[in-house]
Amino acid sequence: MSTLLTPYMTMLIAVAAAATFLTRIGGYFLVKRLEVMPPRLEAALNAVPAAVLTTLVAPAFFSGGLDVKAAMLAALLVGFRFSAIPILITGWAVVMLARQFLG
């Protein structure tokens, strides 16, 4: 038997999937039951994408090296003018070039 897919691990994956599904669908049903969404709730829900982005970017910025910081700065500058794909390409290119030439 594989040590990666034990019955315990399979059960853990199934429970985690069920918990994720229930929290997502539960939030949908709670918001759907509201006839009028309160302004504070709408403001809080609108802030979620920025909060998630911050939790993904901040640790990489503070724990990354000069290559990561340069890539993030370049991506930020490109982001003022272009959409997501050019931002990703710029960040990737800058970090690869920095790692190639700066070590």
PDB file of N, CA and C in Angstrom:
ATOM      1  N   MET A   1       0.844  -1.182   0.000  1.00  0.00           N
ATOM      2  CA  MET A   1       0.000   0.000   0.000  1.00  0.00           C
ATOM      3  C   MET A   1       0.890   1.245   0.000  1.00  0.00           C
ATOM      4  N   SER A   2       0.457   2.246  -0.742  1.00  0.00           N
ATOM      5  CA  SER A   2       1.208   3.491  -0.826  1.00  0.00           C
ATOM      6  C   SER A   2       1.129   4.251   0.492  1.00  0.00           C
ATOM      7  N   THR A   3       2.224   4.868   0.865  1.00  0.00           N
ATOM      8  CA  THR A   3       2.222   5.650   2.101  1.00  0.00           C
ATOM      9  C   THR A   3       1.593   7.024   1.898  1.00  0.00           C
ATOM     10  N   LEU A   4       1.403   7.426   0.634  1.00  0.00           N
ATOM     11  CA  LEU A   4       0.815   8.732   0.366  1.00  0.00           C
ATOM     12  C   LEU A   4      -0.707   8.726   0.465  1.00  0.00           C
ATOM     13  N   LEU A   5      -1.342   7.616   0.067  1.00  0.00           N
ATOM     14  CA  LEU A   5      -2.796   7.580   0.034  1.00  0.00           C
ATOM     15  C   LEU A   5      -3.320   6.518   0.995  1.00  0.00           C
ATOM     16  N   THR A   6      -3.077   6.734   2.249  1.00  0.00           N
ATOM     17  CA  THR A   6      -3.590   5.839   3.283  1.00  0.00           C
ATOM     18  C   THR A   6      -5.072   6.144   3.510  1.00  0.00           C
ATOM     19  N   PRO A   7      -5.803   5.236   4.157  1.00  0.00           N
ATOM     20  CA  PRO A   7      -7.215   5.535   4.449  1.00  0.00           C
ATOM     21  C   PRO A   7      -7.377   6.817   5.274  1.00  0.00           C
ATOM     22  N   TYR A   8      -6.469   7.067   6.182  1.00  0.00           N
ATOM     23  CA  TYR A   8      -6.531   8.292   6.985  1.00  0.00           C
ATOM     24  C   TYR A   8      -6.383   9.530   6.094  1.00  0.00           C
ATOM     25  N   MET A   9      -5.441   9.489   5.152  1.00  0.00           N
ATOM     26  CA  MET A   9      -5.210  10.631   4.265  1.00  0.00           C
ATOM     27  C   MET A   9      -6.410  10.838   3.339  1.00  0.00           C
ATOM     28  N   THR A  10      -6.991   9.755   2.858  1.00  0.00           N
ATOM     29  CA  THR A  10      -8.174   9.855   2.008  1.00  0.00           C
ATOM     30  C   THR A  10      -9.328  10.487   2.771  1.00  0.00           C
ATOM     31  N   MET A  11      -9.529  10.058   4.028  1.00  0.00           N
ATOM     32  CA  MET A  11     -10.589  10.632   4.854  1.00  0.00           C
ATOM     33  C   MET A  11     -10.316  12.117   5.120  1.00  0.00           C
ATOM     34  N   LEU A  12      -9.075  12.469   5.370  1.00  0.00           N
ATOM     35  CA  LEU A  12      -8.714  13.855   5.624  1.00  0.00           C
ATOM     36  C   LEU A  12      -9.004  14.727   4.404  1.00  0.00           C
ATOM     37  N   ILE A  13      -8.681  14.251   3.226  1.00  0.00           N
ATOM     38  CA  ILE A  13      -8.944  14.999   1.989  1.00  0.00           C
ATOM     39  C   ILE A  13     -10.445  15.173   1.791  1.00  0.00           C
ATOM     40  N   ALA A  14     -11.214  14.106   2.038  1.00  0.00           N
ATOM     41  CA  ALA A  14     -12.669  14.181   1.867  1.00  0.00           C
ATOM     42  C   ALA A  14     -13.294  15.154   2.867  1.00  0.00           C
ATOM     43  N   VAL A  15     -12.862  15.127   4.112  1.00  0.00           N
ATOM     44  CA  VAL A  15     -13.404  16.041   5.121  1.00  0.00           C
ATOM     45  C   VAL A  15     -13.018  17.483   4.796  1.00  0.00           C
ATOM     46  N   ALA A  16     -11.791  17.713   4.361  1.00  0.00           N
ATOM     47  CA  ALA A  16     -11.367  19.068   3.998  1.00  0.00           C
ATOM     48  C   ALA A  16     -12.159  19.578   2.794  1.00  0.00           C
ATOM     49  N   ALA A  17     -12.412  18.720   1.823  1.00  0.00           N
ATOM     50  CA  ALA A  17     -13.202  19.121   0.654  1.00  0.00           C
ATOM     51  C   ALA A  17     -14.631  19.455   1.071  1.00  0.00           C
ATOM     52  N   ALA A  18     -15.210  18.643   1.938  1.00  0.00           N
ATOM     53  CA  ALA A  18     -16.579  18.895   2.406  1.00  0.00           C
ATOM     54  C   ALA A  18     -16.648  20.204   3.199  1.00  0.00           C
ATOM     55  N   ALA A  19     -15.669  20.447   4.056  1.00  0.00           N
ATOM     56  CA  ALA A  19     -15.655  21.680   4.846  1.00  0.00           C
ATOM     57  C   ALA A  19     -15.522  22.901   3.936  1.00  0.00           C
ATOM     58  N   THR A  20     -14.674  22.817   2.939  1.00  0.00           N
ATOM     59  CA  THR A  20     -14.508  23.923   1.999  1.00  0.00           C
ATOM     60  C   THR A  20     -15.796  24.175   1.242  1.00  0.00           C
ATOM     61  N   PHE A  21     -16.411  23.109   0.753  1.00  0.00           N
ATOM     62  CA  PHE A  21     -17.661  23.243   0.012  1.00  0.00           C
ATOM     63  C   PHE A  21     -18.755  23.855   0.880  1.00  0.00           C
ATOM     64  N   LEU A  22     -18.888  23.369   2.109  1.00  0.00           N
ATOM     65  CA  LEU A  22     -19.951  23.859   2.988  1.00  0.00           C
ATOM     66  C   LEU A  22     -19.766  25.328   3.359  1.00  0.00           C
ATOM     67  N   THR A  23     -18.521  25.758   3.584  1.00  0.00           N
ATOM     68  CA  THR A  23     -18.307  27.169   3.922  1.00  0.00           C
ATOM     69  C   THR A  23     -18.607  28.064   2.723  1.00  0.00           C
ATOM     70  N   ARG A  24     -18.262  27.615   1.543  1.00  0.00           N
ATOM     71  CA  ARG A  24     -18.528  28.440   0.360  1.00  0.00           C
ATOM     72  C   ARG A  24     -20.017  28.503   0.043  1.00  0.00           C
ATOM     73  N   ILE A  25     -20.672  27.362   0.047  1.00  0.00           N
ATOM     74  CA  ILE A  25     -22.089  27.344  -0.285  1.00  0.00           C
ATOM     75  C   ILE A  25     -22.910  27.991   0.833  1.00  0.00           C
ATOM     76  N   GLY A  26     -22.443  27.857   2.080  1.00  0.00           N
ATOM     77  CA  GLY A  26     -23.137  28.492   3.202  1.00  0.00           C
ATOM     78  C   GLY A  26     -23.131  30.002   3.087  1.00  0.00           C
ATOM     79  N   GLY A  27     -22.003  30.569   2.726  1.00  0.00           N
ATOM     80  CA  GLY A  27     -21.928  32.012   2.531  1.00  0.00           C
ATOM     81  C   GLY A  27     -22.834  32.484   1.409  1.00  0.00           C
ATOM     82  N   TYR A  28     -22.890  31.705   0.344  1.00  0.00           N
ATOM     83  CA  TYR A  28     -23.773  32.048  -0.780  1.00  0.00           C
ATOM     84  C   TYR A  28     -25.230  32.079  -0.328  1.00  0.00           C
ATOM     85  N   PHE A  29     -25.656  31.046   0.390  1.00  0.00           N
ATOM     86  CA  PHE A  29     -27.049  30.991   0.830  1.00  0.00           C
ATOM     87  C   PHE A  29     -27.371  32.080   1.853  1.00  0.00           C
ATOM     88  N   LEU A  30     -26.423  32.413   2.723  1.00  0.00           N
ATOM     89  CA  LEU A  30     -26.673  33.488   3.688  1.00  0.00           C
ATOM     90  C   LEU A  30     -26.861  34.831   2.993  1.00  0.00           C
ATOM     91  N   VAL A  31     -26.023  35.128   2.017  1.00  0.00           N
ATOM     92  CA  VAL A  31     -26.126  36.396   1.300  1.00  0.00           C
ATOM     93  C   VAL A  31     -27.374  36.407   0.419  1.00  0.00           C
ATOM     94  N   LYS A  32     -27.716  35.245  -0.152  1.00  0.00           N
ATOM     95  CA  LYS A  32     -28.886  35.175  -1.022  1.00  0.00           C
ATOM     96  C   LYS A  32     -30.187  35.415  -0.243  1.00  0.00           C
ATOM     97  N   ARG A  33     -30.219  35.051   1.027  1.00  0.00           N
ATOM     98  CA  ARG A  33     -31.424  35.240   1.835  1.00  0.00           C
ATOM     99  C   ARG A  33     -31.693  36.707   2.144  1.00  0.00           C
ATOM    100  N   LEU A  34     -30.668  37.531   2.050  1.00  0.00           N
ATOM    101  CA  LEU A  34     -30.856  38.961   2.317  1.00  0.00           C
ATOM    102  C   LEU A  34     -31.604  39.608   1.159  1.00  0.00           C
ATOM    103  N   GLU A  35     -32.628  40.368   1.475  1.00  0.00           N
ATOM    104  CA  GLU A  35     -33.345  41.076   0.421  1.00  0.00           C
ATOM    105  C   GLU A  35     -32.545  42.291  -0.042  1.00  0.00           C
ATOM    106  N   VAL A  36     -31.985  43.009   0.915  1.00  0.00           N
ATOM    107  CA  VAL A  36     -31.129  44.155   0.619  1.00  0.00           C
ATOM    108  C   VAL A  36     -29.838  43.964   1.393  1.00  0.00           C
ATOM    109  N   MET A  37     -28.732  44.030   0.684  1.00  0.00           N
ATOM    110  CA  MET A  37     -27.451  43.844   1.346  1.00  0.00           C
ATOM    111  C   MET A  37     -27.061  45.126   2.084  1.00  0.00           C
ATOM    112  N   PRO A  38     -26.765  45.008   3.380  1.00  0.00           N
ATOM    113  CA  PRO A  38     -26.346  46.200   4.130  1.00  0.00           C
ATOM    114  C   PRO A  38     -25.050  46.779   3.556  1.00  0.00           C
ATOM    115  N   PRO A  39     -24.927  48.094   3.565  1.00  0.00           N
ATOM    116  CA  PRO A  39     -23.729  48.731   2.988  1.00  0.00           C
ATOM    117  C   PRO A  39     -22.422  48.263   3.641  1.00  0.00           C
ATOM    118  N   ARG A  40     -22.446  48.002   4.945  1.00  0.00           N
ATOM    119  CA  ARG A  40     -21.215  47.566   5.613  1.00  0.00           C
ATOM    120  C   ARG A  40     -20.805  46.177   5.141  1.00  0.00           C
ATOM    121  N   LEU A  41     -21.778  45.290   4.928  1.00  0.00           N
ATOM    122  CA  LEU A  41     -21.478  43.953   4.425  1.00  0.00           C
ATOM    123  C   LEU A  41     -20.936  44.022   3.006  1.00  0.00           C
ATOM    124  N   GLU A  42     -21.543  44.865   2.194  1.00  0.00           N
ATOM    125  CA  GLU A  42     -21.063  45.019   0.820  1.00  0.00           C
ATOM    126  C   GLU A  42     -19.637  45.570   0.799  1.00  0.00           C
ATOM    127  N   ALA A  43     -19.346  46.536   1.659  1.00  0.00           N
ATOM    128  CA  ALA A  43     -17.995  47.092   1.740  1.00  0.00           C
ATOM    129  C   ALA A  43     -16.996  46.033   2.199  1.00  0.00           C
ATOM    130  N   ALA A  44     -17.407  45.204   3.165  1.00  0.00           N
ATOM    131  CA  ALA A  44     -16.523  44.146   3.648  1.00  0.00           C
ATOM    132  C   ALA A  44     -16.252  43.119   2.550  1.00  0.00           C
ATOM    133  N   LEU A  45     -17.276  42.739   1.815  1.00  0.00           N
ATOM    134  CA  LEU A  45     -17.086  41.770   0.729  1.00  0.00           C
ATOM    135  C   LEU A  45     -16.244  42.347  -0.406  1.00  0.00           C
ATOM    136  N   ASN A  46     -16.373  43.640  -0.646  1.00  0.00           N
ATOM    137  CA  ASN A  46     -15.548  44.276  -1.678  1.00  0.00           C
ATOM    138  C   ASN A  46     -14.082  44.359  -1.265  1.00  0.00           C
ATOM    139  N   ALA A  47     -13.795  44.321   0.030  1.00  0.00           N
ATOM    140  CA  ALA A  47     -12.420  44.404   0.514  1.00  0.00           C
ATOM    141  C   ALA A  47     -11.713  43.050   0.507  1.00  0.00           C
ATOM    142  N   VAL A  48     -12.438  41.974   0.337  1.00  0.00           N
ATOM    143  CA  VAL A  48     -11.837  40.636   0.412  1.00  0.00           C
ATOM    144  C   VAL A  48     -10.744  40.412  -0.641  1.00  0.00           C
ATOM    145  N   PRO A  49     -10.944  40.742  -1.921  1.00  0.00           N
ATOM    146  CA  PRO A  49      -9.870  40.495  -2.893  1.00  0.00           C
ATOM    147  C   PRO A  49      -8.555  41.203  -2.542  1.00  0.00           C
ATOM    148  N   ALA A  50      -8.632  42.436  -2.084  1.00  0.00           N
ATOM    149  CA  ALA A  50      -7.409  43.157  -1.711  1.00  0.00           C
ATOM    150  C   ALA A  50      -6.738  42.509  -0.509  1.00  0.00           C
ATOM    151  N   ALA A  51      -7.526  42.028   0.440  1.00  0.00           N
ATOM    152  CA  ALA A  51      -6.955  41.378   1.623  1.00  0.00           C
ATOM    153  C   ALA A  51      -6.278  40.070   1.251  1.00  0.00           C
ATOM    154  N   VAL A  52      -6.900  39.310   0.363  1.00  0.00           N
ATOM    155  CA  VAL A  52      -6.301  38.043  -0.069  1.00  0.00           C
ATOM    156  C   VAL A  52      -5.015  38.307  -0.840  1.00  0.00           C
ATOM    157  N   LEU A  53      -5.028  39.285  -1.728  1.00  0.00           N
ATOM    158  CA  LEU A  53      -3.826  39.624  -2.491  1.00  0.00           C
ATOM    159  C   LEU A  53      -2.695  40.051  -1.563  1.00  0.00           C
ATOM    160  N   THR A  54      -3.015  40.823  -0.556  1.00  0.00           N
ATOM    161  CA  THR A  54      -1.998  41.264   0.407  1.00  0.00           C
ATOM    162  C   THR A  54      -1.397  40.084   1.151  1.00  0.00           C
ATOM    163  N   THR A  55      -2.224  39.122   1.557  1.00  0.00           N
ATOM    164  CA  THR A  55      -1.692  37.964   2.285  1.00  0.00           C
ATOM    165  C   THR A  55      -0.832  37.085   1.402  1.00  0.00           C
ATOM    166  N   LEU A  56      -1.014  37.153   0.094  1.00  0.00           N
ATOM    167  CA  LEU A  56      -0.170  36.374  -0.813  1.00  0.00           C
ATOM    168  C   LEU A  56       1.128  37.094  -1.164  1.00  0.00           C
ATOM    169  N   VAL A  57       1.057  38.409  -1.315  1.00  0.00           N
ATOM    170  CA  VAL A  57       2.206  39.176  -1.793  1.00  0.00           C
ATOM    171  C   VAL A  57       3.156  39.590  -0.669  1.00  0.00           C
ATOM    172  N   ALA A  58       2.642  40.000   0.460  1.00  0.00           N
ATOM    173  CA  ALA A  58       3.477  40.538   1.538  1.00  0.00           C
ATOM    174  C   ALA A  58       4.534  39.555   2.036  1.00  0.00           C
ATOM    175  N   PRO A  59       4.206  38.296   2.321  1.00  0.00           N
ATOM    176  CA  PRO A  59       5.264  37.386   2.780  1.00  0.00           C
ATOM    177  C   PRO A  59       6.362  37.178   1.739  1.00  0.00           C
ATOM    178  N   ALA A  60       5.976  37.088   0.468  1.00  0.00           N
ATOM    179  CA  ALA A  60       6.983  36.912  -0.577  1.00  0.00           C
ATOM    180  C   ALA A  60       7.877  38.142  -0.679  1.00  0.00           C
ATOM    181  N   PHE A  61       7.296  39.318  -0.524  1.00  0.00           N
ATOM    182  CA  PHE A  61       8.093  40.543  -0.611  1.00  0.00           C
ATOM    183  C   PHE A  61       9.094  40.629   0.532  1.00  0.00           C
ATOM    184  N   PHE A  62       8.654  40.348   1.757  1.00  0.00           N
ATOM    185  CA  PHE A  62       9.534  40.518   2.904  1.00  0.00           C
ATOM    186  C   PHE A  62      10.511  39.368   3.098  1.00  0.00           C
ATOM    187  N   SER A  63      10.196  38.181   2.608  1.00  0.00           N
ATOM    188  CA  SER A  63      11.130  37.069   2.765  1.00  0.00           C
ATOM    189  C   SER A  63      11.935  36.811   1.500  1.00  0.00           C
ATOM    190  N   GLY A  64      11.529  37.401   0.379  1.00  0.00           N
ATOM    191  CA  GLY A  64      12.234  37.197  -0.879  1.00  0.00           C
ATOM    192  C   GLY A  64      13.482  38.051  -0.977  1.00  0.00           C
ATOM    193  N   GLY A  65      14.273  37.713  -1.951  1.00  0.00           N
ATOM    194  CA  GLY A  65      15.513  38.451  -2.166  1.00  0.00           C
ATOM    195  C   GLY A  65      15.299  39.664  -3.057  1.00  0.00           C
ATOM    196  N   LEU A  66      16.402  40.222  -3.512  1.00  0.00           N
ATOM    197  CA  LEU A  66      16.357  41.399  -4.375  1.00  0.00           C
ATOM    198  C   LEU A  66      15.661  41.088  -5.694  1.00  0.00           C
ATOM    199  N   ASP A  67      15.802  39.864  -6.193  1.00  0.00           N
ATOM    200  CA  ASP A  67      15.154  39.482  -7.441  1.00  0.00           C
ATOM    201  C   ASP A  67      13.632  39.543  -7.331  1.00  0.00           C
ATOM    202  N   VAL A  68      13.102  39.070  -6.216  1.00  0.00           N
ATOM    203  CA  VAL A  68      11.651  39.074  -6.001  1.00  0.00           C
ATOM    204  C   VAL A  68      11.147  40.501  -5.828  1.00  0.00           C
ATOM    205  N   LYS A  69      11.880  41.307  -5.087  1.00  0.00           N
ATOM    206  CA  LYS A  69      11.469  42.704  -4.892  1.00  0.00           C
ATOM    207  C   LYS A  69      11.480  43.471  -6.214  1.00  0.00           C
ATOM    208  N   ALA A  70      12.491  43.250  -7.038  1.00  0.00           N
ATOM    209  CA  ALA A  70      12.567  43.916  -8.340  1.00  0.00           C
ATOM    210  C   ALA A  70      11.421  43.471  -9.242  1.00  0.00           C
ATOM    211  N   ALA A  71      11.100  42.190  -9.228  1.00  0.00           N
ATOM    212  CA  ALA A  71      10.005  41.681 -10.047  1.00  0.00           C
ATOM    213  C   ALA A  71       8.667  42.261  -9.597  1.00  0.00           C
ATOM    214  N   MET A  72       8.471  42.353  -8.290  1.00  0.00           N
ATOM    215  CA  MET A  72       7.217  42.917  -7.786  1.00  0.00           C
ATOM    216  C   MET A  72       7.099  44.396  -8.116  1.00  0.00           C
ATOM    217  N   LEU A  73       8.195  45.126  -8.011  1.00  0.00           N
ATOM    218  CA  LEU A  73       8.177  46.545  -8.355  1.00  0.00           C
ATOM    219  C   LEU A  73       7.886  46.738  -9.840  1.00  0.00           C
ATOM    220  N   ALA A  74       8.526  45.934 -10.691  1.00  0.00           N
ATOM    221  CA  ALA A  74       8.280  46.030 -12.131  1.00  0.00           C
ATOM    222  C   ALA A  74       6.832  45.670 -12.459  1.00  0.00           C
ATOM    223  N   ALA A  75       6.318  44.623 -11.815  1.00  0.00           N
ATOM    224  CA  ALA A  75       4.926  44.225 -12.048  1.00  0.00           C
ATOM    225  C   ALA A  75       3.968  45.314 -11.587  1.00  0.00           C
ATOM    226  N   LEU A  76       4.274  45.964 -10.484  1.00  0.00           N
ATOM    227  CA  LEU A  76       3.433  47.056  -9.993  1.00  0.00           C
ATOM    228  C   LEU A  76       3.396  48.203 -10.996  1.00  0.00           C
ATOM    229  N   LEU A  77       4.553  48.569 -11.515  1.00  0.00           N
ATOM    230  CA  LEU A  77       4.610  49.666 -12.479  1.00  0.00           C
ATOM    231  C   LEU A  77       3.867  49.324 -13.762  1.00  0.00           C
ATOM    232  N   VAL A  78       4.008  48.093 -14.231  1.00  0.00           N
ATOM    233  CA  VAL A  78       3.284  47.664 -15.434  1.00  0.00           C
ATOM    234  C   VAL A  78       1.780  47.614 -15.146  1.00  0.00           C
ATOM    235  N   GLY A  79       1.413  47.276 -13.915  1.00  0.00           N
ATOM    236  CA  GLY A  79       0.017  47.181 -13.543  1.00  0.00           C
ATOM    237  C   GLY A  79      -0.729  48.498 -13.588  1.00  0.00           C
ATOM    238  N   PHE A  80      -0.020  49.594 -13.524  1.00  0.00           N
ATOM    239  CA  PHE A  80      -0.677  50.900 -13.630  1.00  0.00           C
ATOM    240  C   PHE A  80      -1.209  51.149 -15.037  1.00  0.00           C
ATOM    241  N   ARG A  81      -0.670  50.428 -16.015  1.00  0.00           N
ATOM    242  CA  ARG A  81      -1.041  50.689 -17.415  1.00  0.00           C
ATOM    243  C   ARG A  81      -1.724  49.506 -18.102  1.00  0.00           C
ATOM    244  N   PHE A  82      -1.345  48.281 -17.718  1.00  0.00           N
ATOM    245  CA  PHE A  82      -1.823  47.106 -18.453  1.00  0.00           C
ATOM    246  C   PHE A  82      -2.626  46.170 -17.554  1.00  0.00           C
ATOM    247  N   SER A  83      -3.137  45.102 -18.160  1.00  0.00           N
ATOM    248  CA  SER A  83      -3.963  44.130 -17.436  1.00  0.00           C
ATOM    249  C   SER A  83      -3.107  43.010 -16.845  1.00  0.00           C
ATOM    250  N   ALA A  84      -3.754  41.924 -16.436  1.00  0.00           N
ATOM    251  CA  ALA A  84      -3.097  40.871 -15.654  1.00  0.00           C
ATOM    252  C   ALA A  84      -2.003  40.121 -16.418  1.00  0.00           C
ATOM    253  N   ILE A  85      -2.234  39.780 -17.671  1.00  0.00           N
ATOM    254  CA  ILE A  85      -1.251  38.970 -18.402  1.00  0.00           C
ATOM    255  C   ILE A  85       0.078  39.707 -18.569  1.00  0.00           C
ATOM    256  N   PRO A  86       0.100  40.956 -19.001  1.00  0.00           N
ATOM    257  CA  PRO A  86       1.387  41.661 -19.061  1.00  0.00           C
ATOM    258  C   PRO A  86       2.061  41.799 -17.693  1.00  0.00           C
ATOM    259  N   ILE A  87       1.264  41.930 -16.640  1.00  0.00           N
ATOM    260  CA  ILE A  87       1.839  42.008 -15.296  1.00  0.00           C
ATOM    261  C   ILE A  87       2.563  40.709 -14.956  1.00  0.00           C
ATOM    262  N   LEU A  88       1.898  39.588 -15.213  1.00  0.00           N
ATOM    263  CA  LEU A  88       2.522  38.284 -14.927  1.00  0.00           C
ATOM    264  C   LEU A  88       3.774  38.057 -15.759  1.00  0.00           C
ATOM    265  N   ILE A  89       3.704  38.405 -17.032  1.00  0.00           N
ATOM    266  CA  ILE A  89       4.867  38.216 -17.915  1.00  0.00           C
ATOM    267  C   ILE A  89       6.031  39.094 -17.459  1.00  0.00           C
ATOM    268  N   THR A  90       5.750  40.325 -17.094  1.00  0.00           N
ATOM    269  CA  THR A  90       6.802  41.232 -16.625  1.00  0.00           C
ATOM    270  C   THR A  90       7.445  40.723 -15.344  1.00  0.00           C
ATOM    271  N   GLY A  91       6.617  40.335 -14.379  1.00  0.00           N
ATOM    272  CA  GLY A  91       7.157  39.813 -13.124  1.00  0.00           C
ATOM    273  C   GLY A  91       8.018  38.585 -13.344  1.00  0.00           C
ATOM    274  N   TRP A  92       7.521  37.668 -14.169  1.00  0.00           N
ATOM    275  CA  TRP A  92       8.276  36.448 -14.463  1.00  0.00           C
ATOM    276  C   TRP A  92       9.596  36.781 -15.150  1.00  0.00           C
ATOM    277  N   ALA A  93       9.552  37.656 -16.162  1.00  0.00           N
ATOM    278  CA  ALA A  93      10.761  37.993 -16.909  1.00  0.00           C
ATOM    279  C   ALA A  93      11.803  38.674 -16.019  1.00  0.00           C
ATOM    280  N   VAL A  94      11.367  39.599 -15.192  1.00  0.00           N
ATOM    281  CA  VAL A  94      12.312  40.319 -14.333  1.00  0.00           C
ATOM    282  C   VAL A  94      12.957  39.376 -13.325  1.00  0.00           C
ATOM    283  N   VAL A  95      12.181  38.502 -12.707  1.00  0.00           N
ATOM    284  CA  VAL A  95      12.769  37.595 -11.718  1.00  0.00           C
ATOM    285  C   VAL A  95      13.714  36.598 -12.388  1.00  0.00           C
ATOM    286  N   MET A  96      13.373  36.137 -13.591  1.00  0.00           N
ATOM    287  CA  MET A  96      14.264  35.197 -14.293  1.00  0.00           C
ATOM    288  C   MET A  96      15.564  35.889 -14.710  1.00  0.00           C
ATOM    289  N   LEU A  97      15.461  37.096 -15.226  1.00  0.00           N
ATOM    290  CA  LEU A  97      16.669  37.831 -15.614  1.00  0.00           C
ATOM    291  C   LEU A  97      17.526  38.170 -14.405  1.00  0.00           C
ATOM    292  N   ALA A  98      16.895  38.565 -13.327  1.00  0.00           N
ATOM    293  CA  ALA A  98      17.657  38.885 -12.109  1.00  0.00           C
ATOM    294  C   ALA A  98      18.361  37.650 -11.577  1.00  0.00           C
ATOM    295  N   ARG A  99      17.702  36.517 -11.604  1.00  0.00           N
ATOM    296  CA  ARG A  99      18.340  35.292 -11.124  1.00  0.00           C
ATOM    297  C   ARG A  99      19.457  34.826 -12.047  1.00  0.00           C
ATOM    298  N   GLN A 100      19.300  35.082 -13.342  1.00  0.00           N
ATOM    299  CA  GLN A 100      20.322  34.677 -14.300  1.00  0.00           C
ATOM    300  C   GLN A 100      21.575  35.548 -14.188  1.00  0.00           C
ATOM    301  N   PHE A 101      21.383  36.867 -14.080  1.00  0.00           N
ATOM    302  CA  PHE A 101      22.522  37.771 -14.156  1.00  0.00           C
ATOM    303  C   PHE A 101      23.050  38.251 -12.800  1.00  0.00           C
ATOM    304  N   LEU A 102      22.187  38.233 -11.778  1.00  0.00           N
ATOM    305  CA  LEU A 102      22.628  38.679 -10.466  1.00  0.00           C
ATOM    306  C   LEU A 102      22.984  37.522  -9.547  1.00  0.00           C
ATOM    307  N   GLY A 103      22.623  36.344  -9.935  1.00  0.00           N
ATOM    308  CA  GLY A 103      22.979  35.162  -9.140  1.00  0.00           C
ATOM    309  C   GLY A 103      21.953  34.783  -8.244  1.00  0.00           C
TER     310      GLY A 103
END
